[in-house]
């Protein structure tokens, strides 16, 4: 079992500092293909926003009726 030390020398039993540093030190090219996927996420976001606005409008209309 590794004895992980934090920046001030405090014991980090979960090793979260080490995992965070490994995440931050990753090369950006390793994550780039996942973020360059056409327009899929944008279309989903737009549809979600339109649906949310329609639901809020319907609830407001029913409440004021």
Protein backbone atom coordinates (compact mmCIF):
# COMPACT_ATOMS: atom_id res chain seq x y z
CA UNK A 1 0.00 0.00 0.00
CA UNK A 2 1.45 3.34 -1.03
CA UNK A 3 1.85 6.11 1.48
CA UNK A 4 0.71 9.17 -0.46
CA UNK A 5 1.64 12.57 0.91
CA UNK A 6 -0.22 15.79 0.09
CA UNK A 7 1.49 19.10 -0.63
CA UNK A 8 1.81 19.97 3.09
CA UNK A 9 2.86 16.45 4.04
CA UNK A 10 -0.64 15.44 5.19
CA UNK A 11 -1.51 11.79 4.67
CA UNK A 12 -3.88 11.20 1.74
CA UNK A 13 -5.32 7.71 2.36
CA UNK A 14 -7.44 7.69 -0.81
CA UNK A 15 -4.57 8.83 -3.02
CA UNK A 16 -6.82 11.46 -4.57
CA UNK A 17 -3.96 13.92 -4.98
CA UNK A 18 -1.99 11.38 -6.98
CA UNK A 19 -5.02 10.54 -9.14
CA UNK A 20 -5.71 14.25 -9.73
CA UNK A 21 -2.12 14.89 -10.77
CA UNK A 22 -2.27 11.94 -13.17
CA UNK A 23 -5.47 13.36 -14.68
CA UNK A 24 -4.02 16.87 -15.04
CA UNK A 25 -0.76 15.60 -16.50
CA UNK A 26 -2.53 13.69 -19.29
CA UNK A 27 -1.72 14.90 -22.77
CA UNK A 28 -4.58 16.84 -24.40
CA UNK A 29 -4.27 14.75 -27.58
CA UNK A 30 -5.45 11.68 -25.68
CA UNK A 31 -8.85 13.27 -24.97
CA UNK A 32 -9.25 15.18 -28.24
CA UNK A 33 -11.04 12.51 -30.36
CA UNK A 34 -13.87 12.26 -27.83
CA UNK A 35 -14.56 16.00 -28.00
CA UNK A 36 -14.49 16.34 -31.81
CA UNK A 37 -17.66 14.42 -32.62
CA UNK A 38 -19.60 16.27 -35.31
CA UNK A 39 -22.65 18.17 -34.14
CA UNK A 40 -24.19 15.43 -32.00
CA UNK A 41 -23.84 17.00 -28.56
CA UNK A 42 -24.89 20.44 -29.84
CA UNK A 43 -28.07 19.05 -31.43
CA UNK A 44 -28.94 17.23 -28.22
CA UNK A 45 -28.37 20.38 -26.18
CA UNK A 46 -30.55 22.47 -28.49
CA UNK A 47 -33.35 19.89 -28.41
CA UNK A 48 -33.11 19.74 -24.61
CA UNK A 49 -33.34 23.52 -24.28
CA UNK A 50 -36.31 23.70 -26.66
CA UNK A 51 -38.07 20.91 -24.75
CA UNK A 52 -37.42 22.62 -21.40
CA UNK A 53 -38.80 25.94 -22.70
CA UNK A 54 -41.88 24.16 -24.09
CA UNK A 55 -42.51 22.41 -20.75
CA UNK A 56 -42.13 25.65 -18.78
CA UNK A 57 -44.48 27.43 -21.21
CA UNK A 58 -47.07 24.64 -20.93
CA UNK A 59 -46.92 24.69 -17.12
CA UNK A 60 -47.24 28.48 -17.07
CA UNK A 61 -50.19 28.34 -19.48
CA UNK A 62 -51.94 25.73 -17.36
CA UNK A 63 -51.29 27.70 -14.18
CA UNK A 64 -52.68 30.94 -15.61
CA UNK A 65 -55.67 29.32 -17.32
